């Protein structure tokens, strides 16, 4: 999973969020302004019920969605997120959390 988080570590904003991937009420991985590098987690083949979340201090600003995916042996789940965050001089933030989720086959 990769989240395009542009906020500096010392930034204080209500838009700051933690981007995370969950399955069966267990957090598989997360990305935040403190942990921006891509995260890799090994997943077994089979049917998965994933929850993709952006959790913010203001609960009403948090977003999430579910997706059921059947992963085959060797397939790689790729999840990219561009969350709503404060605008910076070189790039305007999207109006809503944007996700691209897919599977790469070997």
PDB file of N, CA and C in Angstrom:
ATOM      1  N   UNK A   1       0.845  -1.173   0.000  1.00  0.00           N
ATOM      2  CA  UNK A   1       0.000   0.000   0.000  1.00  0.00           C
ATOM      3  C   UNK A   1       0.888   1.233   0.000  1.00  0.00           C
ATOM      4  N   UNK A   2       0.457   2.229  -0.742  1.00  0.00           N
ATOM      5  CA  UNK A   2       1.170   3.503  -0.775  1.00  0.00           C
ATOM      6  C   UNK A   2       0.151   4.623  -0.638  1.00  0.00           C
ATOM      7  N   UNK A   3       0.460   5.596   0.198  1.00  0.00           N
ATOM      8  CA  UNK A   3      -0.389   6.779   0.360  1.00  0.00           C
ATOM      9  C   UNK A   3       0.447   8.004   0.040  1.00  0.00           C
ATOM     10  N   UNK A   4      -0.060   8.848  -0.834  1.00  0.00           N
ATOM     11  CA  UNK A   4       0.670  10.064  -1.202  1.00  0.00           C
ATOM     12  C   UNK A   4       0.383  11.148  -0.171  1.00  0.00           C
ATOM     13  N   UNK A   5       1.164  11.145   0.884  1.00  0.00           N
ATOM     14  CA  UNK A   5       0.979  12.094   1.984  1.00  0.00           C
ATOM     15  C   UNK A   5       2.050  13.169   1.880  1.00  0.00           C
ATOM     16  N   UNK A   6       1.592  14.404   1.712  1.00  0.00           N
ATOM     17  CA  UNK A   6       2.520  15.517   1.506  1.00  0.00           C
ATOM     18  C   UNK A   6       2.689  16.381   2.749  1.00  0.00           C
ATOM     19  N   UNK A   7       1.980  16.081   3.807  1.00  0.00           N
ATOM     20  CA  UNK A   7       2.043  16.908   5.012  1.00  0.00           C
ATOM     21  C   UNK A   7       3.345  16.677   5.766  1.00  0.00           C
ATOM     22  N   UNK A   8       3.990  17.748   6.208  1.00  0.00           N
ATOM     23  CA  UNK A   8       5.189  17.570   7.029  1.00  0.00           C
ATOM     24  C   UNK A   8       4.828  16.994   8.397  1.00  0.00           C
ATOM     25  N   UNK A   9       5.786  16.363   9.038  1.00  0.00           N
ATOM     26  CA  UNK A   9       5.559  15.713  10.331  1.00  0.00           C
ATOM     27  C   UNK A   9       5.031  16.693  11.369  1.00  0.00           C
ATOM     28  N   UNK A  10       5.515  17.929  11.368  1.00  0.00           N
ATOM     29  CA  UNK A  10       5.102  18.914  12.383  1.00  0.00           C
ATOM     30  C   UNK A  10       3.813  19.648  12.043  1.00  0.00           C
ATOM     31  N   UNK A  11       3.218  19.353  10.923  1.00  0.00           N
ATOM     32  CA  UNK A  11       1.992  20.022  10.501  1.00  0.00           C
ATOM     33  C   UNK A  11       0.830  19.665  11.431  1.00  0.00           C
ATOM     34  N   UNK A  12       0.044  20.654  11.808  1.00  0.00           N
ATOM     35  CA  UNK A  12      -1.155  20.426  12.608  1.00  0.00           C
ATOM     36  C   UNK A  12      -2.365  20.851  11.788  1.00  0.00           C
ATOM     37  N   UNK A  13      -3.139  19.882  11.349  1.00  0.00           N
ATOM     38  CA  UNK A  13      -4.323  20.167  10.562  1.00  0.00           C
ATOM     39  C   UNK A  13      -5.372  19.095  10.817  1.00  0.00           C
ATOM     40  N   UNK A  14      -6.640  19.487  10.768  1.00  0.00           N
ATOM     41  CA  UNK A  14      -7.722  18.524  10.961  1.00  0.00           C
ATOM     42  C   UNK A  14      -7.855  17.583   9.771  1.00  0.00           C
ATOM     43  N   UNK A  15      -7.209  17.929   8.655  1.00  0.00           N
ATOM     44  CA  UNK A  15      -7.279  17.079   7.472  1.00  0.00           C
ATOM     45  C   UNK A  15      -6.303  15.909   7.531  1.00  0.00           C
ATOM     46  N   UNK A  16      -5.320  15.982   8.425  1.00  0.00           N
ATOM     47  CA  UNK A  16      -4.330  14.903   8.526  1.00  0.00           C
ATOM     48  C   UNK A  16      -5.039  13.586   8.811  1.00  0.00           C
ATOM     49  N   UNK A  17      -4.635  12.544   8.114  1.00  0.00           N
ATOM     50  CA  UNK A  17      -5.285  11.257   8.299  1.00  0.00           C
ATOM     51  C   UNK A  17      -4.301  10.108   8.275  1.00  0.00           C
ATOM     52  N   UNK A  18      -4.790   8.977   8.713  1.00  0.00           N
ATOM     53  CA  UNK A  18      -4.030   7.734   8.645  1.00  0.00           C
ATOM     54  C   UNK A  18      -4.726   6.862   7.607  1.00  0.00           C
ATOM     55  N   UNK A  19      -3.978   6.459   6.593  1.00  0.00           N
ATOM     56  CA  UNK A  19      -4.497   5.617   5.524  1.00  0.00           C
ATOM     57  C   UNK A  19      -4.211   4.172   5.922  1.00  0.00           C
ATOM     58  N   UNK A  20      -5.239   3.321   5.917  1.00  0.00           N
ATOM     59  CA  UNK A  20      -5.025   1.958   6.396  1.00  0.00           C
ATOM     60  C   UNK A  20      -5.834   0.928   5.617  1.00  0.00           C
ATOM     61  N   UNK A  21      -5.361  -0.313   5.703  1.00  0.00           N
ATOM     62  CA  UNK A  21      -6.008  -1.467   5.080  1.00  0.00           C
ATOM     63  C   UNK A  21      -6.343  -2.455   6.189  1.00  0.00           C
ATOM     64  N   UNK A  22      -7.595  -2.891   6.234  1.00  0.00           N
ATOM     65  CA  UNK A  22      -8.079  -3.777   7.292  1.00  0.00           C
ATOM     66  C   UNK A  22      -8.706  -5.023   6.681  1.00  0.00           C
ATOM     67  N   UNK A  23      -8.670  -6.116   7.467  1.00  0.00           N
ATOM     68  CA  UNK A  23      -9.403  -7.332   7.117  1.00  0.00           C
ATOM     69  C   UNK A  23      -9.818  -8.014   8.414  1.00  0.00           C
ATOM     70  N   UNK A  24     -11.098  -8.359   8.527  1.00  0.00           N
ATOM     71  CA  UNK A  24     -11.635  -9.018   9.731  1.00  0.00           C
ATOM     72  C   UNK A  24     -11.296  -8.246  11.007  1.00  0.00           C
ATOM     73  N   UNK A  25     -11.518  -6.947  10.993  1.00  0.00           N
ATOM     74  CA  UNK A  25     -11.254  -6.068  12.147  1.00  0.00           C
ATOM     75  C   UNK A  25      -9.793  -6.053  12.588  1.00  0.00           C
ATOM     76  N   UNK A  26      -8.895  -6.450  11.709  1.00  0.00           N
ATOM     77  CA  UNK A  26      -7.457  -6.418  11.994  1.00  0.00           C
ATOM     78  C   UNK A  26      -6.773  -5.487  10.993  1.00  0.00           C
ATOM     79  N   UNK A  27      -6.003  -4.553  11.523  1.00  0.00           N
ATOM     80  CA  UNK A  27      -5.276  -3.626  10.654  1.00  0.00           C
ATOM     81  C   UNK A  27      -4.071  -4.351  10.049  1.00  0.00           C
ATOM     82  N   UNK A  28      -4.046  -4.440   8.711  1.00  0.00           N
ATOM     83  CA  UNK A  28      -2.943  -5.113   8.031  1.00  0.00           C
ATOM     84  C   UNK A  28      -1.752  -4.186   7.845  1.00  0.00           C
ATOM     85  N   UNK A  29      -2.027  -2.938   7.517  1.00  0.00           N
ATOM     86  CA  UNK A  29      -0.954  -1.957   7.367  1.00  0.00           C
ATOM     87  C   UNK A  29      -1.556  -0.556   7.370  1.00  0.00           C
ATOM     88  N   UNK A  30      -0.687   0.427   7.619  1.00  0.00           N
ATOM     89  CA  UNK A  30      -1.146   1.816   7.602  1.00  0.00           C
ATOM     90  C   UNK A  30      -0.009   2.705   7.125  1.00  0.00           C
ATOM     91  N   UNK A  31      -0.373   3.888   6.675  1.00  0.00           N
ATOM     92  CA  UNK A  31       0.573   4.923   6.270  1.00  0.00           C
ATOM     93  C   UNK A  31       0.079   6.226   6.875  1.00  0.00           C
ATOM     94  N   UNK A  32       1.006   7.043   7.337  1.00  0.00           N
ATOM     95  CA  UNK A  32       0.664   8.339   7.919  1.00  0.00           C
ATOM     96  C   UNK A  32       1.777   9.318   7.591  1.00  0.00           C
ATOM     97  N   UNK A  33       1.661  10.533   8.095  1.00  0.00           N
ATOM     98  CA  UNK A  33       2.724  11.499   7.816  1.00  0.00           C
ATOM     99  C   UNK A  33       4.016  11.122   8.531  1.00  0.00           C
ATOM    100  N   UNK A  34       3.943  10.229   9.524  1.00  0.00           N
ATOM    101  CA  UNK A  34       5.146   9.727  10.197  1.00  0.00           C
ATOM    102  C   UNK A  34       5.739   8.516   9.484  1.00  0.00           C
ATOM    103  N   UNK A  35       4.939   7.818   8.725  1.00  0.00           N
ATOM    104  CA  UNK A  35       5.371   6.599   8.033  1.00  0.00           C
ATOM    105  C   UNK A  35       4.879   6.666   6.593  1.00  0.00           C
ATOM    106  N   UNK A  36       5.669   7.251   5.711  1.00  0.00           N
ATOM    107  CA  UNK A  36       5.228   7.521   4.340  1.00  0.00           C
ATOM    108  C   UNK A  36       5.678   6.489   3.306  1.00  0.00           C
ATOM    109  N   UNK A  37       6.665   5.671   3.632  1.00  0.00           N
ATOM    110  CA  UNK A  37       7.184   4.715   2.658  1.00  0.00           C
ATOM    111  C   UNK A  37       6.129   3.647   2.343  1.00  0.00           C
ATOM    112  N   UNK A  38       6.187   3.043   1.137  1.00  0.00           N
ATOM    113  CA  UNK A  38       5.233   1.972   0.817  1.00  0.00           C
ATOM    114  C   UNK A  38       5.326   0.842   1.840  1.00  0.00           C
ATOM    115  N   UNK A  39       4.226   0.173   2.058  1.00  0.00           N
ATOM    116  CA  UNK A  39       4.165  -0.929   3.022  1.00  0.00           C
ATOM    117  C   UNK A  39       3.770  -2.198   2.280  1.00  0.00           C
ATOM    118  N   UNK A  40       4.496  -3.277   2.550  1.00  0.00           N
ATOM    119  CA  UNK A  40       4.228  -4.562   1.914  1.00  0.00           C
ATOM    120  C   UNK A  40       3.815  -5.569   2.980  1.00  0.00           C
ATOM    121  N   UNK A  41       2.721  -6.283   2.728  1.00  0.00           N
ATOM    122  CA  UNK A  41       2.209  -7.286   3.656  1.00  0.00           C
ATOM    123  C   UNK A  41       1.905  -8.546   2.853  1.00  0.00           C
ATOM    124  N   UNK A  42       2.337  -9.698   3.355  1.00  0.00           N
ATOM    125  CA  UNK A  42       2.058 -10.955   2.665  1.00  0.00           C
ATOM    126  C   UNK A  42       0.626 -11.384   2.954  1.00  0.00           C
ATOM    127  N   UNK A  43      -0.109 -11.712   1.888  1.00  0.00           N
ATOM    128  CA  UNK A  43      -1.496 -12.148   2.015  1.00  0.00           C
ATOM    129  C   UNK A  43      -1.633 -13.546   1.429  1.00  0.00           C
ATOM    130  N   UNK A  44      -2.356 -14.433   2.089  1.00  0.00           N
ATOM    131  CA  UNK A  44      -2.554 -15.772   1.531  1.00  0.00           C
ATOM    132  C   UNK A  44      -3.537 -15.720   0.365  1.00  0.00           C
ATOM    133  N   UNK A  45      -3.446 -16.674  -0.566  1.00  0.00           N
ATOM    134  CA  UNK A  45      -4.436 -16.718  -1.639  1.00  0.00           C
ATOM    135  C   UNK A  45      -5.819 -17.028  -1.056  1.00  0.00           C
ATOM    136  N   UNK A  46      -6.851 -16.630  -1.787  1.00  0.00           N
ATOM    137  CA  UNK A  46      -8.218 -16.902  -1.353  1.00  0.00           C
ATOM    138  C   UNK A  46      -9.064 -15.647  -1.334  1.00  0.00           C
ATOM    139  N   UNK A  47     -10.273 -15.795  -0.839  1.00  0.00           N
ATOM    140  CA  UNK A  47     -11.242 -14.700  -0.795  1.00  0.00           C
ATOM    141  C   UNK A  47     -10.961 -13.805   0.412  1.00  0.00           C
ATOM    142  N   UNK A  48     -10.906 -12.507   0.167  1.00  0.00           N
ATOM    143  CA  UNK A  48     -10.621 -11.530   1.220  1.00  0.00           C
ATOM    144  C   UNK A  48     -11.691 -10.443   1.203  1.00  0.00           C
ATOM    145  N   UNK A  49     -12.082  -9.984   2.381  1.00  0.00           N
ATOM    146  CA  UNK A  49     -13.004  -8.855   2.530  1.00  0.00           C
ATOM    147  C   UNK A  49     -12.198  -7.708   3.131  1.00  0.00           C
ATOM    148  N   UNK A  50     -11.736  -6.789   2.282  1.00  0.00           N
ATOM    149  CA  UNK A  50     -10.870  -5.701   2.719  1.00  0.00           C
ATOM    150  C   UNK A  50     -11.680  -4.450   3.032  1.00  0.00           C
ATOM    151  N   UNK A  51     -11.182  -3.670   3.987  1.00  0.00           N
ATOM    152  CA  UNK A  51     -11.703  -2.337   4.270  1.00  0.00           C
ATOM    153  C   UNK A  51     -10.557  -1.357   4.056  1.00  0.00           C
ATOM    154  N   UNK A  52     -10.782  -0.370   3.221  1.00  0.00           N
ATOM    155  CA  UNK A  52      -9.799   0.668   2.936  1.00  0.00           C
ATOM    156  C   UNK A  52     -10.273   1.922   3.669  1.00  0.00           C
ATOM    157  N   UNK A  53      -9.428   2.462   4.556  1.00  0.00           N
ATOM    158  CA  UNK A  53      -9.868   3.557   5.423  1.00  0.00           C
ATOM    159  C   UNK A  53      -8.897   4.732   5.395  1.00  0.00           C
ATOM    160  N   UNK A  54      -9.463   5.925   5.564  1.00  0.00           N
ATOM    161  CA  UNK A  54      -8.693   7.119   5.898  1.00  0.00           C
ATOM    162  C   UNK A  54      -9.330   7.637   7.184  1.00  0.00           C
ATOM    163  N   UNK A  55      -8.597   7.525   8.282  1.00  0.00           N
ATOM    164  CA  UNK A  55      -9.114   7.886   9.602  1.00  0.00           C
ATOM    165  C   UNK A  55      -8.531   9.232  10.013  1.00  0.00           C
ATOM    166  N   UNK A  56      -9.429  10.154  10.403  1.00  0.00           N
ATOM    167  CA  UNK A  56      -9.010  11.500  10.804  1.00  0.00           C
ATOM    168  C   UNK A  56      -9.449  11.794  12.235  1.00  0.00           C
ATOM    169  N   UNK A  57      -8.860  12.841  12.820  1.00  0.00           N
ATOM    170  CA  UNK A  57      -9.214  13.255  14.180  1.00  0.00           C
ATOM    171  C   UNK A  57     -10.710  13.537  14.260  1.00  0.00           C
ATOM    172  N   UNK A  58     -11.225  14.246  13.291  1.00  0.00           N
ATOM    173  CA  UNK A  58     -12.667  14.500  13.220  1.00  0.00           C
ATOM    174  C   UNK A  58     -13.308  13.286  12.558  1.00  0.00           C
ATOM    175  N   UNK A  59     -13.999  12.487  13.344  1.00  0.00           N
ATOM    176  CA  UNK A  59     -14.567  11.236  12.833  1.00  0.00           C
ATOM    177  C   UNK A  59     -15.469  11.458  11.621  1.00  0.00           C
ATOM    178  N   UNK A  60     -16.171  12.583  11.585  1.00  0.00           N
ATOM    179  CA  UNK A  60     -17.053  12.879  10.464  1.00  0.00           C
ATOM    180  C   UNK A  60     -16.319  13.096   9.154  1.00  0.00           C
ATOM    181  N   UNK A  61     -15.029  13.327   9.215  1.00  0.00           N
ATOM    182  CA  UNK A  61     -14.214  13.543   8.015  1.00  0.00           C
ATOM    183  C   UNK A  61     -13.516  12.257   7.563  1.00  0.00           C
ATOM    184  N   UNK A  62     -13.629  11.185   8.362  1.00  0.00           N
ATOM    185  CA  UNK A  62     -13.026   9.901   7.998  1.00  0.00           C
ATOM    186  C   UNK A  62     -13.839   9.253   6.882  1.00  0.00           C
ATOM    187  N   UNK A  63     -13.176   8.447   6.059  1.00  0.00           N
ATOM    188  CA  UNK A  63     -13.863   7.748   4.969  1.00  0.00           C
ATOM    189  C   UNK A  63     -13.400   6.300   4.942  1.00  0.00           C
ATOM    190  N   UNK A  64     -14.233   5.438   4.364  1.00  0.00           N
ATOM    191  CA  UNK A  64     -13.850   4.046   4.192  1.00  0.00           C
ATOM    192  C   UNK A  64     -14.774   3.379   3.184  1.00  0.00           C
ATOM    193  N   UNK A  65     -14.286   2.287   2.610  1.00  0.00           N
ATOM    194  CA  UNK A  65     -15.111   1.459   1.740  1.00  0.00           C
ATOM    195  C   UNK A  65     -14.620   0.022   1.838  1.00  0.00           C
ATOM    196  N   UNK A  66     -15.486  -0.911   1.451  1.00  0.00           N
ATOM    197  CA  UNK A  66     -15.141  -2.327   1.474  1.00  0.00           C
ATOM    198  C   UNK A  66     -15.046  -2.853   0.052  1.00  0.00           C
ATOM    199  N   UNK A  67     -14.188  -3.846  -0.106  1.00  0.00           N
ATOM    200  CA  UNK A  67     -14.099  -4.518  -1.399  1.00  0.00           C
ATOM    201  C   UNK A  67     -13.723  -5.974  -1.148  1.00  0.00           C
ATOM    202  N   UNK A  68     -14.483  -6.859  -1.765  1.00  0.00           N
ATOM    203  CA  UNK A  68     -14.182  -8.286  -1.684  1.00  0.00           C
ATOM    204  C   UNK A  68     -13.301  -8.647  -2.872  1.00  0.00           C
ATOM    205  N   UNK A  69     -12.213  -9.346  -2.605  1.00  0.00           N
ATOM    206  CA  UNK A  69     -11.275  -9.703  -3.671  1.00  0.00           C
ATOM    207  C   UNK A  69     -10.840 -11.150  -3.488  1.00  0.00           C
ATOM    208  N   UNK A  70     -10.767 -11.876  -4.601  1.00  0.00           N
ATOM    209  CA  UNK A  70     -10.304 -13.261  -4.593  1.00  0.00           C
ATOM    210  C   UNK A  70      -8.891 -13.276  -5.167  1.00  0.00           C
ATOM    211  N   UNK A  71      -7.907 -13.434  -4.294  1.00  0.00           N
ATOM    212  CA  UNK A  71      -6.508 -13.412  -4.721  1.00  0.00           C
ATOM    213  C   UNK A  71      -6.033 -14.825  -5.035  1.00  0.00           C
ATOM    214  N   UNK A  72      -5.391 -14.974  -6.176  1.00  0.00           N
ATOM    215  CA  UNK A  72      -4.804 -16.251  -6.579  1.00  0.00           C
ATOM    216  C   UNK A  72      -3.349 -16.299  -6.119  1.00  0.00           C
ATOM    217  N   UNK A  73      -2.781 -17.478  -6.121  1.00  0.00           N
ATOM    218  CA  UNK A  73      -1.380 -17.672  -5.736  1.00  0.00           C
ATOM    219  C   UNK A  73      -0.478 -16.772  -6.586  1.00  0.00           C
ATOM    220  N   UNK A  74       0.368 -15.977  -5.944  1.00  0.00           N
ATOM    221  CA  UNK A  74       1.328 -15.119  -6.639  1.00  0.00           C
ATOM    222  C   UNK A  74       0.810 -13.744  -7.023  1.00  0.00           C
ATOM    223  N   UNK A  75      -0.506 -13.509  -6.915  1.00  0.00           N
ATOM    224  CA  UNK A  75      -1.047 -12.192  -7.261  1.00  0.00           C
ATOM    225  C   UNK A  75      -0.690 -11.171  -6.186  1.00  0.00           C
ATOM    226  N   UNK A  76      -0.585  -9.922  -6.618  1.00  0.00           N
ATOM    227  CA  UNK A  76      -0.209  -8.833  -5.719  1.00  0.00           C
ATOM    228  C   UNK A  76      -1.335  -7.805  -5.696  1.00  0.00           C
ATOM    229  N   UNK A  77      -1.837  -7.527  -4.501  1.00  0.00           N
ATOM    230  CA  UNK A  77      -2.840  -6.477  -4.318  1.00  0.00           C
ATOM    231  C   UNK A  77      -2.107  -5.149  -4.228  1.00  0.00           C
ATOM    232  N   UNK A  78      -2.526  -4.183  -5.040  1.00  0.00           N
ATOM    233  CA  UNK A  78      -1.921  -2.850  -5.023  1.00  0.00           C
ATOM    234  C   UNK A  78      -3.004  -1.855  -4.620  1.00  0.00           C
ATOM    235  N   UNK A  79      -2.715  -1.053  -3.588  1.00  0.00           N
ATOM    236  CA  UNK A  79      -3.656  -0.030  -3.126  1.00  0.00           C
ATOM    237  C   UNK A  79      -2.912   1.296  -3.032  1.00  0.00           C
ATOM    238  N   UNK A  80      -3.357   2.272  -3.808  1.00  0.00           N
ATOM    239  CA  UNK A  80      -2.768   3.612  -3.802  1.00  0.00           C
ATOM    240  C   UNK A  80      -3.829   4.591  -3.324  1.00  0.00           C
ATOM    241  N   UNK A  81      -3.447   5.502  -2.442  1.00  0.00           N
ATOM    242  CA  UNK A  81      -4.402   6.475  -1.919  1.00  0.00           C
ATOM    243  C   UNK A  81      -3.818   7.881  -1.982  1.00  0.00           C
ATOM    244  N   UNK A  82      -4.629   8.814  -2.452  1.00  0.00           N
ATOM    245  CA  UNK A  82      -4.294  10.236  -2.413  1.00  0.00           C
ATOM    246  C   UNK A  82      -5.352  10.885  -1.521  1.00  0.00           C
ATOM    247  N   UNK A  83      -5.078  10.988  -0.214  1.00  0.00           N
ATOM    248  CA  UNK A  83      -6.090  11.499   0.712  1.00  0.00           C
ATOM    249  C   UNK A  83      -6.228  13.017   0.650  1.00  0.00           C
ATOM    250  N   UNK A  84      -7.401  13.504   1.063  1.00  0.00           N
ATOM    251  CA  UNK A  84      -7.603  14.943   1.211  1.00  0.00           C
ATOM    252  C   UNK A  84      -6.621  15.431   2.262  1.00  0.00           C
ATOM    253  N   UNK A  85      -5.932  16.506   1.973  1.00  0.00           N
ATOM    254  CA  UNK A  85      -4.992  17.105   2.914  1.00  0.00           C
ATOM    255  C   UNK A  85      -4.862  18.586   2.598  1.00  0.00           C
ATOM    256  N   UNK A  86      -4.151  19.288   3.408  1.00  0.00           N
ATOM    257  CA  UNK A  86      -3.987  20.722   3.181  1.00  0.00           C
ATOM    258  C   UNK A  86      -3.301  20.961   1.843  1.00  0.00           C
ATOM    259  N   UNK A  87      -3.712  22.019   1.149  1.00  0.00           N
ATOM    260  CA  UNK A  87      -3.072  22.370  -0.118  1.00  0.00           C
ATOM    261  C   UNK A  87      -1.641  22.828   0.140  1.00  0.00           C
ATOM    262  N   UNK A  88      -0.776  22.526  -0.796  1.00  0.00           N
ATOM    263  CA  UNK A  88       0.601  23.009  -0.745  1.00  0.00           C
ATOM    264  C   UNK A  88       0.824  23.856  -1.987  1.00  0.00           C
ATOM    265  N   UNK A  89       1.852  24.683  -1.974  1.00  0.00           N
ATOM    266  CA  UNK A  89       2.044  25.624  -3.072  1.00  0.00           C
ATOM    267  C   UNK A  89       2.256  24.936  -4.422  1.00  0.00           C
ATOM    268  N   UNK A  90       2.745  23.705  -4.429  1.00  0.00           N
ATOM    269  CA  UNK A  90       3.039  23.031  -5.694  1.00  0.00           C
ATOM    270  C   UNK A  90       1.959  22.038  -6.120  1.00  0.00           C
ATOM    271  N   UNK A  91       0.941  21.826  -5.268  1.00  0.00           N
ATOM    272  CA  UNK A  91      -0.108  20.883  -5.653  1.00  0.00           C
ATOM    273  C   UNK A  91      -1.360  21.098  -4.819  1.00  0.00           C
ATOM    274  N   UNK A  92      -2.485  21.125  -5.500  1.00  0.00           N
ATOM    275  CA  UNK A  92      -3.771  21.261  -4.823  1.00  0.00           C
ATOM    276  C   UNK A  92      -4.263  19.871  -4.411  1.00  0.00           C
ATOM    277  N   UNK A  93      -4.813  19.779  -3.228  1.00  0.00           N
ATOM    278  CA  UNK A  93      -5.329  18.511  -2.715  1.00  0.00           C
ATOM    279  C   UNK A  93      -6.616  18.128  -3.446  1.00  0.00           C
ATOM    280  N   UNK A  94      -6.865  16.813  -3.606  1.00  0.00           N
ATOM    281  CA  UNK A  94      -8.159  16.417  -4.177  1.00  0.00           C
ATOM    282  C   UNK A  94      -9.292  16.794  -3.220  1.00  0.00           C
ATOM    283  N   UNK A  95     -10.521  16.901  -3.746  1.00  0.00           N
ATOM    284  CA  UNK A  95     -11.685  17.259  -2.933  1.00  0.00           C
ATOM    285  C   UNK A  95     -12.162  16.104  -2.057  1.00  0.00           C
ATOM    286  N   UNK A  96     -11.795  14.890  -2.425  1.00  0.00           N
ATOM    287  CA  UNK A  96     -12.165  13.714  -1.637  1.00  0.00           C
ATOM    288  C   UNK A  96     -11.042  12.696  -1.706  1.00  0.00           C
ATOM    289  N   UNK A  97     -11.026  11.775  -0.758  1.00  0.00           N
ATOM    290  CA  UNK A  97     -10.001  10.733  -0.749  1.00  0.00           C
ATOM    291  C   UNK A  97     -10.121   9.915  -2.035  1.00  0.00           C
ATOM    292  N   UNK A  98      -9.006   9.729  -2.720  1.00  0.00           N
ATOM    293  CA  UNK A  98      -8.995   9.021  -3.992  1.00  0.00           C
ATOM    294  C   UNK A  98      -8.179   7.740  -3.854  1.00  0.00           C
ATOM    295  N   UNK A  99      -8.774   6.625  -4.231  1.00  0.00           N
ATOM    296  CA  UNK A  99      -8.111   5.322  -4.162  1.00  0.00           C
ATOM    297  C   UNK A  99      -8.020   4.697  -5.549  1.00  0.00           C
ATOM    298  N   UNK A 100      -6.952   3.972  -5.789  1.00  0.00           N
ATOM    299  CA  UNK A 100      -6.819   3.097  -6.951  1.00  0.00           C
ATOM    300  C   UNK A 100      -6.435   1.737  -6.375  1.00  0.00           C
ATOM    301  N   UNK A 101      -7.289   0.746  -6.605  1.00  0.00           N
ATOM    302  CA  UNK A 101      -7.057  -0.596  -6.064  1.00  0.00           C
ATOM    303  C   UNK A 101      -7.094  -1.581  -7.219  1.00  0.00           C
ATOM    304  N   UNK A 102      -6.108  -2.464  -7.260  1.00  0.00           N
ATOM    305  CA  UNK A 102      -6.062  -3.452  -8.324  1.00  0.00           C
ATOM    306  C   UNK A 102      -5.196  -4.635  -7.946  1.00  0.00           C
ATOM    307  N   UNK A 103      -5.115  -5.583  -8.867  1.00  0.00           N
ATOM    308  CA  UNK A 103      -4.326  -6.794  -8.658  1.00  0.00           C
ATOM    309  C   UNK A 103      -3.372  -6.951  -9.828  1.00  0.00           C
ATOM    310  N   UNK A 104      -2.120  -7.271  -9.503  1.00  0.00           N
ATOM    311  CA  UNK A 104      -1.111  -7.550 -10.525  1.00  0.00           C
ATOM    312  C   UNK A 104      -0.881  -9.055 -10.528  1.00  0.00           C
ATOM    313  N   UNK A 105      -0.995  -9.661 -11.703  1.00  0.00           N
ATOM    314  CA  UNK A 105      -0.756 -11.100 -11.838  1.00  0.00           C
ATOM    315  C   UNK A 105       0.660 -11.336 -12.338  1.00  0.00           C
ATOM    316  N   UNK A 106       1.278 -12.447 -11.890  1.00  0.00           N
ATOM    317  CA  UNK A 106       2.658 -12.727 -12.337  1.00  0.00           C
ATOM    318  C   UNK A 106       2.722 -13.115 -13.801  1.00  0.00           C
TER     319      UNK A 106
END
